[in-house]
Amino acid sequence: MPKYIIERDIPGAGSFTTPDLQIISQKSCAILSDIGPRIQWLESYVTDDKIYCIYIAPDEAAVRVHAEQGGFPANRISRIKSVIDPTTAEN
């Protein structure tokens, strides 16, 4: 199943407290539970004004449904084509 990276513009995201992030995570998980196993949240990265989320989903539409139901912005959704890391440079 494809992986997607979702870019969410959320001003001040880097200032969210642990309880703030917990509430957001709980809401996301509740919606994912309702939608069913066809979409999975793997992890997210919080920066100053954005949150980048990695999802496994059958298509971009499923990611958008999750975002709409949660009231989360999904400013950009990109399908991940490849993953590289330092070991990619090895022979």
PDB file of N, CA and C in Angstrom:
ATOM      1  N   MET A   1       0.844  -1.172   0.000  1.00  0.00           N
ATOM      2  CA  MET A   1       0.000   0.000   0.000  1.00  0.00           C
ATOM      3  C   MET A   1       0.897   1.245   0.000  1.00  0.00           C
ATOM      4  N   PRO A   2       0.491   2.289  -0.710  1.00  0.00           N
ATOM      5  CA  PRO A   2       1.325   3.496  -0.805  1.00  0.00           C
ATOM      6  C   PRO A   2       1.481   4.234   0.522  1.00  0.00           C
ATOM      7  N   LYS A   3       2.599   4.946   0.615  1.00  0.00           N
ATOM      8  CA  LYS A   3       2.839   5.841   1.750  1.00  0.00           C
ATOM      9  C   LYS A   3       2.723   7.271   1.258  1.00  0.00           C
ATOM     10  N   TYR A   4       2.243   8.136   2.157  1.00  0.00           N
ATOM     11  CA  TYR A   4       2.075   9.546   1.846  1.00  0.00           C
ATOM     12  C   TYR A   4       2.698  10.389   2.940  1.00  0.00           C
ATOM     13  N   ILE A   5       3.193  11.571   2.542  1.00  0.00           N
ATOM     14  CA  ILE A   5       3.607  12.572   3.508  1.00  0.00           C
ATOM     15  C   ILE A   5       2.613  13.722   3.388  1.00  0.00           C
ATOM     16  N   ILE A   6       2.090  14.139   4.521  1.00  0.00           N
ATOM     17  CA  ILE A   6       1.103  15.214   4.562  1.00  0.00           C
ATOM     18  C   ILE A   6       1.749  16.416   5.235  1.00  0.00           C
ATOM     19  N   GLU A   7       1.710  17.531   4.557  1.00  0.00           N
ATOM     20  CA  GLU A   7       2.228  18.777   5.104  1.00  0.00           C
ATOM     21  C   GLU A   7       1.045  19.570   5.634  1.00  0.00           C
ATOM     22  N   ARG A   8       1.073  19.855   6.934  1.00  0.00           N
ATOM     23  CA  ARG A   8      -0.014  20.579   7.580  1.00  0.00           C
ATOM     24  C   ARG A   8       0.521  21.923   8.085  1.00  0.00           C
ATOM     25  N   ASP A   9      -0.009  23.017   7.533  1.00  0.00           N
ATOM     26  CA  ASP A   9       0.369  24.346   8.004  1.00  0.00           C
ATOM     27  C   ASP A   9      -0.384  24.636   9.295  1.00  0.00           C
ATOM     28  N   ILE A  10       0.343  24.672  10.387  1.00  0.00           N
ATOM     29  CA  ILE A  10      -0.248  24.930  11.704  1.00  0.00           C
ATOM     30  C   ILE A  10       0.652  25.928  12.429  1.00  0.00           C
ATOM     31  N   PRO A  11       0.345  27.223  12.283  1.00  0.00           N
ATOM     32  CA  PRO A  11       1.176  28.234  12.946  1.00  0.00           C
ATOM     33  C   PRO A  11       1.318  27.949  14.444  1.00  0.00           C
ATOM     34  N   GLY A  12       2.547  28.014  14.920  1.00  0.00           N
ATOM     35  CA  GLY A  12       2.813  27.799  16.338  1.00  0.00           C
ATOM     36  C   GLY A  12       2.885  26.339  16.759  1.00  0.00           C
ATOM     37  N   ALA A  13       2.875  25.418  15.816  1.00  0.00           N
ATOM     38  CA  ALA A  13       2.889  23.992  16.159  1.00  0.00           C
ATOM     39  C   ALA A  13       4.075  23.626  17.046  1.00  0.00           C
ATOM     40  N   GLY A  14       5.199  24.260  16.827  1.00  0.00           N
ATOM     41  CA  GLY A  14       6.390  23.964  17.617  1.00  0.00           C
ATOM     42  C   GLY A  14       6.266  24.361  19.077  1.00  0.00           C
ATOM     43  N   SER A  15       5.273  25.158  19.386  1.00  0.00           N
ATOM     44  CA  SER A  15       5.041  25.579  20.770  1.00  0.00           C
ATOM     45  C   SER A  15       3.993  24.730  21.478  1.00  0.00           C
ATOM     46  N   PHE A  16       3.430  23.764  20.779  1.00  0.00           N
ATOM     47  CA  PHE A  16       2.423  22.906  21.412  1.00  0.00           C
ATOM     48  C   PHE A  16       3.053  22.154  22.574  1.00  0.00           C
ATOM     49  N   THR A  17       2.311  22.031  23.637  1.00  0.00           N
ATOM     50  CA  THR A  17       2.777  21.292  24.807  1.00  0.00           C
ATOM     51  C   THR A  17       2.539  19.799  24.596  1.00  0.00           C
ATOM     52  N   THR A  18       3.118  19.000  25.459  1.00  0.00           N
ATOM     53  CA  THR A  18       2.876  17.552  25.393  1.00  0.00           C
ATOM     54  C   THR A  18       1.378  17.243  25.515  1.00  0.00           C
ATOM     55  N   PRO A  19       0.638  17.876  26.448  1.00  0.00           N
ATOM     56  CA  PRO A  19      -0.810  17.621  26.496  1.00  0.00           C
ATOM     57  C   PRO A  19      -1.534  18.048  25.209  1.00  0.00           C
ATOM     58  N   ASP A  20      -1.110  19.150  24.578  1.00  0.00           N
ATOM     59  CA  ASP A  20      -1.708  19.573  23.301  1.00  0.00           C
ATOM     60  C   ASP A  20      -1.525  18.489  22.243  1.00  0.00           C
ATOM     61  N   LEU A  21      -0.302  17.991  22.136  1.00  0.00           N
ATOM     62  CA  LEU A  21       0.004  16.966  21.140  1.00  0.00           C
ATOM     63  C   LEU A  21      -0.741  15.663  21.446  1.00  0.00           C
ATOM     64  N   GLN A  22      -0.916  15.374  22.730  1.00  0.00           N
ATOM     65  CA  GLN A  22      -1.654  14.174  23.112  1.00  0.00           C
ATOM     66  C   GLN A  22      -3.114  14.275  22.672  1.00  0.00           C
ATOM     67  N   ILE A  23      -3.716  15.425  22.862  1.00  0.00           N
ATOM     68  CA  ILE A  23      -5.115  15.625  22.455  1.00  0.00           C
ATOM     69  C   ILE A  23      -5.265  15.477  20.939  1.00  0.00           C
ATOM     70  N   ILE A  24      -4.353  16.096  20.190  1.00  0.00           N
ATOM     71  CA  ILE A  24      -4.381  15.979  18.726  1.00  0.00           C
ATOM     72  C   ILE A  24      -4.225  14.522  18.311  1.00  0.00           C
ATOM     73  N   SER A  25      -3.295  13.822  18.938  1.00  0.00           N
ATOM     74  CA  SER A  25      -3.043  12.414  18.614  1.00  0.00           C
ATOM     75  C   SER A  25      -4.251  11.541  18.933  1.00  0.00           C
ATOM     76  N   GLN A  26      -4.884  11.797  20.062  1.00  0.00           N
ATOM     77  CA  GLN A  26      -6.069  11.021  20.444  1.00  0.00           C
ATOM     78  C   GLN A  26      -7.200  11.224  19.441  1.00  0.00           C
ATOM     79  N   LYS A  27      -7.392  12.461  19.003  1.00  0.00           N
ATOM     80  CA  LYS A  27      -8.432  12.745  18.016  1.00  0.00           C
ATOM     81  C   LYS A  27      -8.141  12.018  16.713  1.00  0.00           C
ATOM     82  N   SER A  28      -6.887  12.072  16.265  1.00  0.00           N
ATOM     83  CA  SER A  28      -6.498  11.399  15.032  1.00  0.00           C
ATOM     84  C   SER A  28      -6.728   9.894  15.132  1.00  0.00           C
ATOM     85  N   CYS A  29      -6.313   9.308  16.236  1.00  0.00           N
ATOM     86  CA  CYS A  29      -6.467   7.858  16.425  1.00  0.00           C
ATOM     87  C   CYS A  29      -7.935   7.449  16.464  1.00  0.00           C
ATOM     88  N   ALA A  30      -8.778   8.264  17.085  1.00  0.00           N
ATOM     89  CA  ALA A  30     -10.209   7.956  17.147  1.00  0.00           C
ATOM     90  C   ALA A  30     -10.822   7.944  15.744  1.00  0.00           C
ATOM     91  N   ILE A  31     -10.446   8.902  14.932  1.00  0.00           N
ATOM     92  CA  ILE A  31     -10.961   8.951  13.562  1.00  0.00           C
ATOM     93  C   ILE A  31     -10.443   7.776  12.754  1.00  0.00           C
ATOM     94  N   LEU A  32      -9.167   7.452  12.902  1.00  0.00           N
ATOM     95  CA  LEU A  32      -8.603   6.297  12.195  1.00  0.00           C
ATOM     96  C   LEU A  32      -9.313   5.016  12.593  1.00  0.00           C
ATOM     97  N   SER A  33      -9.669   4.891  13.855  1.00  0.00           N
ATOM     98  CA  SER A  33     -10.394   3.712  14.334  1.00  0.00           C
ATOM     99  C   SER A  33     -11.770   3.616  13.673  1.00  0.00           C
ATOM    100  N   ASP A  34     -12.425   4.758  13.516  1.00  0.00           N
ATOM    101  CA  ASP A  34     -13.738   4.781  12.867  1.00  0.00           C
ATOM    102  C   ASP A  34     -13.650   4.473  11.376  1.00  0.00           C
ATOM    103  N   ILE A  35     -12.620   5.001  10.733  1.00  0.00           N
ATOM    104  CA  ILE A  35     -12.459   4.793   9.290  1.00  0.00           C
ATOM    105  C   ILE A  35     -12.139   3.329   8.989  1.00  0.00           C
ATOM    106  N   GLY A  36     -11.368   2.708   9.853  1.00  0.00           N
ATOM    107  CA  GLY A  36     -11.009   1.313   9.635  1.00  0.00           C
ATOM    108  C   GLY A  36      -9.556   1.135   9.255  1.00  0.00           C
ATOM    109  N   PRO A  37      -9.150  -0.081   9.052  1.00  0.00           N
ATOM    110  CA  PRO A  37      -7.722  -0.390   8.880  1.00  0.00           C
ATOM    111  C   PRO A  37      -7.128  -0.014   7.528  1.00  0.00           C
ATOM    112  N   ARG A  38      -7.902   0.546   6.630  1.00  0.00           N
ATOM    113  CA  ARG A  38      -7.349   0.851   5.312  1.00  0.00           C
ATOM    114  C   ARG A  38      -6.404   2.046   5.306  1.00  0.00           C
ATOM    115  N   ILE A  39      -6.340   2.788   6.416  1.00  0.00           N
ATOM    116  CA  ILE A  39      -5.426   3.923   6.521  1.00  0.00           C
ATOM    117  C   ILE A  39      -4.729   3.854   7.877  1.00  0.00           C
ATOM    118  N   GLN A  40      -3.411   4.086   7.875  1.00  0.00           N
ATOM    119  CA  GLN A  40      -2.632   4.003   9.112  1.00  0.00           C
ATOM    120  C   GLN A  40      -1.721   5.224   9.227  1.00  0.00           C
ATOM    121  N   TRP A  41      -1.640   5.747  10.427  1.00  0.00           N
ATOM    122  CA  TRP A  41      -0.734   6.848  10.734  1.00  0.00           C
ATOM    123  C   TRP A  41       0.541   6.227  11.279  1.00  0.00           C
ATOM    124  N   LEU A  42       1.683   6.535  10.681  1.00  0.00           N
ATOM    125  CA  LEU A  42       2.950   5.971  11.131  1.00  0.00           C
ATOM    126  C   LEU A  42       3.658   6.878  12.131  1.00  0.00           C
ATOM    127  N   GLU A  43       3.827   8.158  11.773  1.00  0.00           N
ATOM    128  CA  GLU A  43       4.500   9.096  12.666  1.00  0.00           C
ATOM    129  C   GLU A  43       4.350  10.498  12.111  1.00  0.00           C
ATOM    130  N   SER A  44       4.683  11.467  12.946  1.00  0.00           N
ATOM    131  CA  SER A  44       4.629  12.867  12.533  1.00  0.00           C
ATOM    132  C   SER A  44       5.840  13.610  13.071  1.00  0.00           C
ATOM    133  N   TYR A  45       6.203  14.671  12.376  1.00  0.00           N
ATOM    134  CA  TYR A  45       7.322  15.519  12.748  1.00  0.00           C
ATOM    135  C   TYR A  45       6.790  16.938  12.940  1.00  0.00           C
ATOM    136  N   VAL A  46       7.029  17.509  14.102  1.00  0.00           N
ATOM    137  CA  VAL A  46       6.532  18.843  14.429  1.00  0.00           C
ATOM    138  C   VAL A  46       7.669  19.847  14.263  1.00  0.00           C
ATOM    139  N   THR A  47       7.419  20.882  13.471  1.00  0.00           N
ATOM    140  CA  THR A  47       8.372  21.976  13.310  1.00  0.00           C
ATOM    141  C   THR A  47       7.697  23.253  13.830  1.00  0.00           C
ATOM    142  N   ASP A  48       8.344  24.387  13.655  1.00  0.00           N
ATOM    143  CA  ASP A  48       7.795  25.631  14.195  1.00  0.00           C
ATOM    144  C   ASP A  48       6.353  25.892  13.760  1.00  0.00           C
ATOM    145  N   ASP A  49       6.094  25.797  12.456  1.00  0.00           N
ATOM    146  CA  ASP A  49       4.784  26.168  11.931  1.00  0.00           C
ATOM    147  C   ASP A  49       4.142  25.111  11.045  1.00  0.00           C
ATOM    148  N   LYS A  50       4.631  23.890  11.126  1.00  0.00           N
ATOM    149  CA  LYS A  50       4.078  22.805  10.315  1.00  0.00           C
ATOM    150  C   LYS A  50       4.178  21.496  11.072  1.00  0.00           C
ATOM    151  N   ILE A  51       3.315  20.576  10.688  1.00  0.00           N
ATOM    152  CA  ILE A  51       3.437  19.191  11.123  1.00  0.00           C
ATOM    153  C   ILE A  51       3.452  18.346   9.853  1.00  0.00           C
ATOM    154  N   TYR A  52       4.435  17.476   9.748  1.00  0.00           N
ATOM    155  CA  TYR A  52       4.571  16.568   8.621  1.00  0.00           C
ATOM    156  C   TYR A  52       4.210  15.169   9.104  1.00  0.00           C
ATOM    157  N   CYS A  53       3.225  14.552   8.471  1.00  0.00           N
ATOM    158  CA  CYS A  53       2.733  13.246   8.906  1.00  0.00           C
ATOM    159  C   CYS A  53       2.974  12.206   7.821  1.00  0.00           C
ATOM    160  N   ILE A  54       3.322  11.012   8.242  1.00  0.00           N
ATOM    161  CA  ILE A  54       3.518   9.892   7.327  1.00  0.00           C
ATOM    162  C   ILE A  54       2.355   8.917   7.528  1.00  0.00           C
ATOM    163  N   TYR A  55       1.689   8.600   6.431  1.00  0.00           N
ATOM    164  CA  TYR A  55       0.541   7.692   6.459  1.00  0.00           C
ATOM    165  C   TYR A  55       0.704   6.604   5.419  1.00  0.00           C
ATOM    166  N   ILE A  56       0.106   5.463   5.696  1.00  0.00           N
ATOM    167  CA  ILE A  56      -0.097   4.419   4.699  1.00  0.00           C
ATOM    168  C   ILE A  56      -1.581   4.470   4.373  1.00  0.00           C
ATOM    169  N   ALA A  57      -1.901   4.561   3.096  1.00  0.00           N
ATOM    170  CA  ALA A  57      -3.303   4.666   2.690  1.00  0.00           C
ATOM    171  C   ALA A  57      -3.465   4.152   1.264  1.00  0.00           C
ATOM    172  N   PRO A  58      -4.675   3.729   0.920  1.00  0.00           N
ATOM    173  CA  PRO A  58      -4.863   3.225  -0.441  1.00  0.00           C
ATOM    174  C   PRO A  58      -4.764   4.318  -1.503  1.00  0.00           C
ATOM    175  N   ASP A  59      -5.091   5.568  -1.105  1.00  0.00           N
ATOM    176  CA  ASP A  59      -5.034   6.676  -2.052  1.00  0.00           C
ATOM    177  C   ASP A  59      -5.093   8.006  -1.300  1.00  0.00           C
ATOM    178  N   GLU A  60      -4.875   9.069  -2.035  1.00  0.00           N
ATOM    179  CA  GLU A  60      -4.888  10.407  -1.447  1.00  0.00           C
ATOM    180  C   GLU A  60      -6.268  10.751  -0.882  1.00  0.00           C
ATOM    181  N   ALA A  61      -7.312  10.254  -1.505  1.00  0.00           N
ATOM    182  CA  ALA A  61      -8.677  10.542  -1.046  1.00  0.00           C
ATOM    183  C   ALA A  61      -8.888  10.071   0.390  1.00  0.00           C
ATOM    184  N   ALA A  62      -8.341   8.922   0.750  1.00  0.00           N
ATOM    185  CA  ALA A  62      -8.476   8.408   2.118  1.00  0.00           C
ATOM    186  C   ALA A  62      -7.785   9.328   3.117  1.00  0.00           C
ATOM    187  N   VAL A  63      -6.657   9.870   2.735  1.00  0.00           N
ATOM    188  CA  VAL A  63      -5.934  10.814   3.593  1.00  0.00           C
ATOM    189  C   VAL A  63      -6.769  12.075   3.779  1.00  0.00           C
ATOM    190  N   ARG A  64      -7.395  12.535   2.705  1.00  0.00           N
ATOM    191  CA  ARG A  64      -8.231  13.731   2.794  1.00  0.00           C
ATOM    192  C   ARG A  64      -9.456  13.509   3.683  1.00  0.00           C
ATOM    193  N   VAL A  65     -10.052  12.324   3.613  1.00  0.00           N
ATOM    194  CA  VAL A  65     -11.203  12.013   4.470  1.00  0.00           C
ATOM    195  C   VAL A  65     -10.801  12.127   5.933  1.00  0.00           C
ATOM    196  N   HIS A  66      -9.663  11.562   6.287  1.00  0.00           N
ATOM    197  CA  HIS A  66      -9.172  11.638   7.663  1.00  0.00           C
ATOM    198  C   HIS A  66      -8.984  13.095   8.082  1.00  0.00           C
ATOM    199  N   ALA A  67      -8.354  13.886   7.220  1.00  0.00           N
ATOM    200  CA  ALA A  67      -8.099  15.291   7.535  1.00  0.00           C
ATOM    201  C   ALA A  67      -9.407  16.064   7.719  1.00  0.00           C
ATOM    202  N   GLU A  68     -10.357  15.833   6.838  1.00  0.00           N
ATOM    203  CA  GLU A  68     -11.636  16.536   6.919  1.00  0.00           C
ATOM    204  C   GLU A  68     -12.398  16.158   8.182  1.00  0.00           C
ATOM    205  N   GLN A  69     -12.441  14.877   8.491  1.00  0.00           N
ATOM    206  CA  GLN A  69     -13.174  14.440   9.681  1.00  0.00           C
ATOM    207  C   GLN A  69     -12.534  14.959  10.965  1.00  0.00           C
ATOM    208  N   GLY A  70     -11.230  15.119  10.956  1.00  0.00           N
ATOM    209  CA  GLY A  70     -10.531  15.589  12.154  1.00  0.00           C
ATOM    210  C   GLY A  70     -10.400  17.090  12.240  1.00  0.00           C
ATOM    211  N   GLY A  71     -10.723  17.777  11.133  1.00  0.00           N
ATOM    212  CA  GLY A  71     -10.522  19.214  11.116  1.00  0.00           C
ATOM    213  C   GLY A  71      -9.049  19.581  11.043  1.00  0.00           C
ATOM    214  N   PHE A  72      -8.241  18.643  10.530  1.00  0.00           N
ATOM    215  CA  PHE A  72      -6.806  18.874  10.383  1.00  0.00           C
ATOM    216  C   PHE A  72      -6.529  19.443   8.998  1.00  0.00           C
ATOM    217  N   PRO A  73      -5.662  20.438   8.875  1.00  0.00           N
ATOM    218  CA  PRO A  73      -5.304  20.888   7.533  1.00  0.00           C
ATOM    219  C   PRO A  73      -4.477  19.817   6.821  1.00  0.00           C
ATOM    220  N   ALA A  74      -4.644  19.726   5.530  1.00  0.00           N
ATOM    221  CA  ALA A  74      -3.803  18.853   4.700  1.00  0.00           C
ATOM    222  C   ALA A  74      -3.418  19.711   3.495  1.00  0.00           C
ATOM    223  N   ASN A  75      -2.489  20.626   3.734  1.00  0.00           N
ATOM    224  CA  ASN A  75      -2.140  21.606   2.722  1.00  0.00           C
ATOM    225  C   ASN A  75      -1.448  21.001   1.512  1.00  0.00           C
ATOM    226  N   ARG A  76      -0.729  19.928   1.754  1.00  0.00           N
ATOM    227  CA  ARG A  76      -0.067  19.235   0.644  1.00  0.00           C
ATOM    228  C   ARG A  76       0.030  17.758   0.985  1.00  0.00           C
ATOM    229  N   ILE A  77      -0.382  16.918   0.055  1.00  0.00           N
ATOM    230  CA  ILE A  77      -0.287  15.470   0.214  1.00  0.00           C
ATOM    231  C   ILE A  77       0.541  14.952  -0.946  1.00  0.00           C
ATOM    232  N   SER A  78       1.629  14.269  -0.623  1.00  0.00           N
ATOM    233  CA  SER A  78       2.528  13.755  -1.656  1.00  0.00           C
ATOM    234  C   SER A  78       2.756  12.270  -1.431  1.00  0.00           C
ATOM    235  N   ARG A  79       2.640  11.516  -2.507  1.00  0.00           N
ATOM    236  CA  ARG A  79       2.939  10.085  -2.421  1.00  0.00           C
ATOM    237  C   ARG A  79       4.448   9.900  -2.362  1.00  0.00           C
ATOM    238  N   ILE A  80       4.897   9.099  -1.417  1.00  0.00           N
ATOM    239  CA  ILE A  80       6.324   8.816  -1.268  1.00  0.00           C
ATOM    240  C   ILE A  80       6.706   7.772  -2.308  1.00  0.00           C
ATOM    241  N   LYS A  81       7.671   8.110  -3.135  1.00  0.00           N
ATOM    242  CA  LYS A  81       8.108   7.204  -4.207  1.00  0.00           C
ATOM    243  C   LYS A  81       9.259   6.310  -3.762  1.00  0.00           C
ATOM    244  N   SER A  82      10.166   6.858  -2.964  1.00  0.00           N
ATOM    245  CA  SER A  82      11.332   6.106  -2.495  1.00  0.00           C
ATOM    246  C   SER A  82      11.757   6.660  -1.152  1.00  0.00           C
ATOM    247  N   VAL A  83      12.478   5.847  -0.414  1.00  0.00           N
ATOM    248  CA  VAL A  83      13.074   6.277   0.841  1.00  0.00           C
ATOM    249  C   VAL A  83      14.583   6.013   0.734  1.00  0.00           C
ATOM    250  N   ILE A  84      15.366   7.038   1.065  1.00  0.00           N
ATOM    251  CA  ILE A  84      16.810   6.863   1.074  1.00  0.00           C
ATOM    252  C   ILE A  84      17.354   7.256   2.441  1.00  0.00           C
ATOM    253  N   ASP A  85      18.518   6.748   2.745  1.00  0.00           N
ATOM    254  CA  ASP A  85      19.222   7.075   3.983  1.00  0.00           C
ATOM    255  C   ASP A  85      20.707   6.886   3.719  1.00  0.00           C
ATOM    256  N   PRO A  86      21.555   7.078   4.718  1.00  0.00           N
ATOM    257  CA  PRO A  86      22.995   6.952   4.473  1.00  0.00           C
ATOM    258  C   PRO A  86      23.422   5.594   3.901  1.00  0.00           C
ATOM    259  N   THR A  87      22.695   4.549   4.213  1.00  0.00           N
ATOM    260  CA  THR A  87      23.074   3.237   3.671  1.00  0.00           C
ATOM    261  C   THR A  87      22.833   3.141   2.182  1.00  0.00           C
ATOM    262  N   THR A  88      22.027   4.036   1.625  1.00  0.00           N
ATOM    263  CA  THR A  88      21.797   4.052   0.180  1.00  0.00           C
ATOM    264  C   THR A  88      23.109   4.343  -0.553  1.00  0.00           C
ATOM    265  N   ALA A  89      24.027   5.039   0.062  1.00  0.00           N
ATOM    266  CA  ALA A  89      25.300   5.390  -0.563  1.00  0.00           C
ATOM    267  C   ALA A  89      26.282   4.239  -0.616  1.00  0.00           C
ATOM    268  N   GLU A  90      26.016   3.196   0.147  1.00  0.00           N
ATOM    269  CA  GLU A  90      26.951   2.074   0.206  1.00  0.00           C
ATOM    270  C   GLU A  90      26.851   1.209  -1.048  1.00  0.00           C
ATOM    271  N   ASN A  91      27.956   0.581  -1.370  1.00  0.00           N
ATOM    272  CA  ASN A  91      27.991  -0.341  -2.528  1.00  0.00           C
ATOM    273  C   ASN A  91      27.432  -1.682  -2.164  1.00  0.00           C
TER     274      ASN A  91
END
